[in-house]
Amino acid sequence: METAMIMLDQPHELSVFGVSKLTTWSGFRFRIRPAEPGDQAALADFFQRVTPEDRHFRFLSAAPRVNHDMLERLTKVDHDLTEDFLAFDGDTLIASAMLAADPLRERAEVAISIRSDYKHRGVGWTLLDHLGRYARDKGIKLIESIESRDNVAAIALEKEMGFSTTAYPGDATLLLVQKKLN
């Protein structure tokens, strides 16, 4: 894999409803902003453009679509312990990147979904790096994700970014992927 570089056009710290522009290692530029309650329809459409396999990897569920309750959890966040960043290419929603921390900010779970027609441009790497920076700025000490062992591409990317993997307790089909933040 190529070495990935992040070039921020603006500081990565965001105000509550701030917007940042990010550039991937491939030179692809996109903007991100925190999700808002009015984004539910756009997210519903977005998840219809994510492959069924990728929806399964994101939610660890075989549900054929993302239901209303899931969309509410992605858009009605507290913007303190939980944030869902939406990535856009122009007006097109191309990715969702969630960070959800525990109340003590010891750890936070991350989860990213990318439209299949925007993969292989560095969007996932850039968003995961952004989530790590954002978490560190919030004082979070560890970020982690729960991955299906079949999600080989995500696990490889996370390992490239310094994450370690261990078996997920009680489920041999899953891995716990973690990275300590300094």
Protein backbone atom coordinates (compact mmCIF):
# COMPACT_ATOMS: atom_id res chain seq x y z
CA MET A 1 0.00 0.00 0.00
CA GLU A 2 1.06 3.55 -0.59
CA THR A 3 1.97 5.74 2.33
CA ALA A 4 -1.01 7.91 3.14
CA MET A 5 -0.72 11.61 3.84
CA ILE A 6 -3.43 13.87 5.18
CA MET A 7 -3.44 17.48 4.12
CA LEU A 8 -5.91 19.56 6.08
CA ASP A 9 -7.08 22.74 4.43
CA GLN A 10 -8.40 23.95 7.77
CA PRO A 11 -7.52 22.92 11.33
CA HIS A 12 -9.00 19.54 12.22
CA GLU A 13 -10.66 20.93 15.31
CA LEU A 14 -14.27 21.61 14.48
CA SER A 15 -16.79 23.90 16.01
CA VAL A 16 -20.09 22.22 16.82
CA PHE A 17 -21.34 22.52 13.25
CA GLY A 18 -18.07 23.38 11.52
CA VAL A 19 -16.96 22.20 8.11
CA SER A 20 -13.49 20.99 7.15
CA LYS A 21 -11.98 20.07 3.82
CA LEU A 22 -9.74 17.03 3.63
CA THR A 23 -7.43 15.73 0.93
CA THR A 24 -6.56 12.04 0.62
CA TRP A 25 -3.23 10.46 -0.38
CA SER A 26 -4.64 10.13 -3.90
CA GLY A 27 -5.34 13.86 -4.14
CA PHE A 28 -9.11 13.44 -3.83
CA ARG A 29 -10.65 16.38 -1.94
CA PHE A 30 -13.86 16.27 0.03
CA ARG A 31 -15.53 18.18 2.83
CA ILE A 32 -16.85 16.90 6.14
CA ARG A 33 -19.24 18.21 8.71
CA PRO A 34 -21.09 16.82 11.71
CA ALA A 35 -24.44 15.17 11.00
CA GLU A 36 -27.63 17.04 11.86
CA PRO A 37 -31.18 15.72 12.45
CA GLY A 38 -32.19 16.94 8.97
CA ASP A 39 -29.69 14.54 7.37
CA GLN A 40 -31.80 11.41 7.88
CA ALA A 41 -33.13 11.27 4.30
CA ALA A 42 -29.66 11.80 2.83
CA LEU A 43 -28.24 9.06 5.07
CA ALA A 44 -31.04 6.68 4.12
CA ASP A 45 -30.23 7.25 0.45
CA PHE A 46 -26.50 6.94 1.17
CA PHE A 47 -26.89 3.55 2.86
CA GLN A 48 -28.88 2.31 -0.16
CA ARG A 49 -25.73 3.06 -2.21
CA VAL A 50 -23.51 1.11 0.17
CA THR A 51 -23.18 -2.56 -0.73
CA PRO A 52 -25.11 -5.05 1.43
CA GLU A 53 -21.77 -6.51 2.53
CA ASP A 54 -20.52 -3.07 3.61
CA ARG A 55 -23.79 -2.37 5.46
CA HIS A 56 -23.26 -5.66 7.26
CA PHE A 57 -19.67 -4.70 8.14
CA ARG A 58 -20.81 -1.28 9.43
CA PHE A 59 -23.71 -2.45 11.58
CA LEU A 60 -22.76 -6.14 12.05
CA SER A 61 -26.31 -6.93 11.03
CA ALA A 62 -27.92 -8.58 8.03
CA ALA A 63 -30.69 -5.96 7.85
CA PRO A 64 -31.40 -5.16 4.19
CA ARG A 65 -31.73 -1.45 4.96
CA VAL A 66 -30.90 1.03 7.69
CA ASN A 67 -34.08 1.66 9.67
CA HIS A 68 -35.41 4.89 11.20
CA ASP A 69 -33.99 4.15 14.69
CA MET A 70 -30.50 3.64 13.25
CA LEU A 71 -30.76 6.88 11.26
CA GLU A 72 -31.82 8.76 14.39
CA ARG A 73 -28.78 7.44 16.29
CA LEU A 74 -26.55 8.72 13.48
CA THR A 75 -28.10 12.18 13.25
CA LYS A 76 -29.28 13.04 16.76
CA VAL A 77 -25.92 12.96 18.50
CA ASP A 78 -24.74 15.02 21.47
CA HIS A 79 -21.68 16.44 19.62
CA ASP A 80 -19.66 15.82 22.78
CA LEU A 81 -19.27 12.11 23.43
CA THR A 82 -20.73 11.11 20.07
CA GLU A 83 -20.15 12.58 16.64
CA ASP A 84 -21.07 11.36 13.17
CA PHE A 85 -19.11 13.13 10.46
CA LEU A 86 -20.60 13.17 6.99
CA ALA A 87 -18.30 13.41 3.98
CA PHE A 88 -19.40 15.12 0.77
CA ASP A 89 -18.15 15.38 -2.79
CA GLY A 90 -20.05 18.49 -3.85
CA ASP A 91 -23.63 17.71 -2.78
CA THR A 92 -23.10 13.94 -2.86
CA LEU A 93 -22.90 12.20 0.53
CA ILE A 94 -20.01 9.76 0.12
CA ALA A 95 -19.22 8.54 3.65
CA SER A 96 -20.26 8.48 7.30
CA ALA A 97 -17.68 8.32 10.11
CA MET A 98 -18.96 7.79 13.67
CA LEU A 99 -17.08 8.25 16.95
CA ALA A 100 -18.83 7.27 20.18
CA ALA A 101 -16.94 7.69 23.48
CA ASP A 102 -17.63 6.40 26.96
CA PRO A 103 -18.51 9.05 29.60
CA LEU A 104 -14.96 9.02 31.04
CA ARG A 105 -13.39 9.39 27.57
CA GLU A 106 -11.24 6.34 28.19
CA ARG A 107 -12.22 4.79 24.87
CA ALA A 108 -14.33 5.47 21.83
CA GLU A 109 -15.68 3.21 19.15
CA VAL A 110 -15.24 4.24 15.52
CA ALA A 111 -17.22 3.07 12.49
CA ILE A 112 -16.95 4.19 8.89
CA SER A 113 -19.05 3.52 5.80
CA ILE A 114 -18.11 4.62 2.29
CA ARG A 115 -20.12 4.50 -0.91
CA SER A 116 -18.69 1.75 -3.09
CA ASP A 117 -18.09 4.13 -6.01
CA TYR A 118 -15.81 6.25 -3.76
CA LYS A 119 -13.62 3.46 -2.45
CA HIS A 120 -9.90 3.15 -3.26
CA ARG A 121 -9.35 6.92 -3.20
CA GLY A 122 -8.09 7.16 0.39
CA VAL A 123 -11.40 8.31 1.91
CA GLY A 124 -11.44 5.60 4.61
CA TRP A 125 -7.83 6.22 5.63
CA THR A 126 -8.40 9.99 5.77
CA LEU A 127 -11.61 9.68 7.79
CA LEU A 128 -10.07 7.24 10.27
CA ASP A 129 -7.10 9.57 10.70
CA HIS A 130 -9.51 12.48 11.23
CA LEU A 131 -11.48 10.51 13.84
CA GLY A 132 -8.22 9.71 15.66
CA ARG A 133 -7.16 13.37 15.70
CA TYR A 134 -10.62 14.48 16.79
CA ALA A 135 -10.68 11.85 19.57
CA ARG A 136 -7.21 12.85 20.79
CA ASP A 137 -8.30 16.52 20.87
CA LYS A 138 -11.27 15.47 23.03
CA GLY A 139 -8.94 13.69 25.49
CA ILE A 140 -9.95 10.17 24.47
CA LYS A 141 -7.20 7.66 25.20
CA LEU A 142 -8.12 4.71 22.97
CA ILE A 143 -10.11 4.24 19.78
CA GLU A 144 -11.45 0.87 18.72
CA SER A 145 -13.71 -0.86 16.27
CA ILE A 146 -15.39 -4.22 16.15
CA GLU A 147 -14.72 -5.81 12.78
CA SER A 148 -16.03 -8.87 11.06
CA ARG A 149 -13.05 -11.12 10.31
CA ASP A 150 -14.32 -11.06 6.71
CA ASN A 151 -13.72 -7.30 6.48
CA VAL A 152 -10.16 -7.87 5.31
CA ALA A 153 -9.70 -4.45 3.67
CA ALA A 154 -10.70 -2.49 6.79
CA ILE A 155 -8.55 -4.65 9.06
CA ALA A 156 -5.53 -4.21 6.76
CA LEU A 157 -6.06 -0.43 6.70
CA GLU A 158 -6.35 -0.27 10.49
CA LYS A 159 -3.20 -2.34 10.94
CA GLU A 160 -1.37 -0.02 8.52
CA MET A 161 -2.45 2.87 10.74
CA GLY A 162 -1.03 1.27 13.91
CA PHE A 163 -4.07 -0.55 15.27
CA SER A 164 -3.67 -3.90 17.00
CA THR A 165 -6.15 -6.77 16.71
CA THR A 166 -7.39 -9.30 19.24
CA ALA A 167 -10.17 -11.85 19.24
CA TYR A 168 -13.52 -10.38 20.22
CA PRO A 169 -14.75 -12.00 23.44
CA GLY A 170 -17.59 -14.43 22.87
CA ASP A 171 -17.71 -14.25 19.06
CA ALA A 172 -15.11 -16.00 16.91
CA THR A 173 -16.35 -14.20 13.77
CA LEU A 174 -15.28 -10.77 15.10
CA LEU A 175 -12.05 -8.93 15.94
CA LEU A 176 -11.49 -6.07 18.35
CA VAL A 177 -9.23 -3.52 16.66
CA GLN A 178 -7.67 -0.88 18.93
CA LYS A 179 -5.22 2.04 18.89
CA LYS A 180 -3.90 3.98 21.86
CA LEU A 181 -3.83 7.74 21.36
CA ASN A 182 -0.97 9.81 22.76
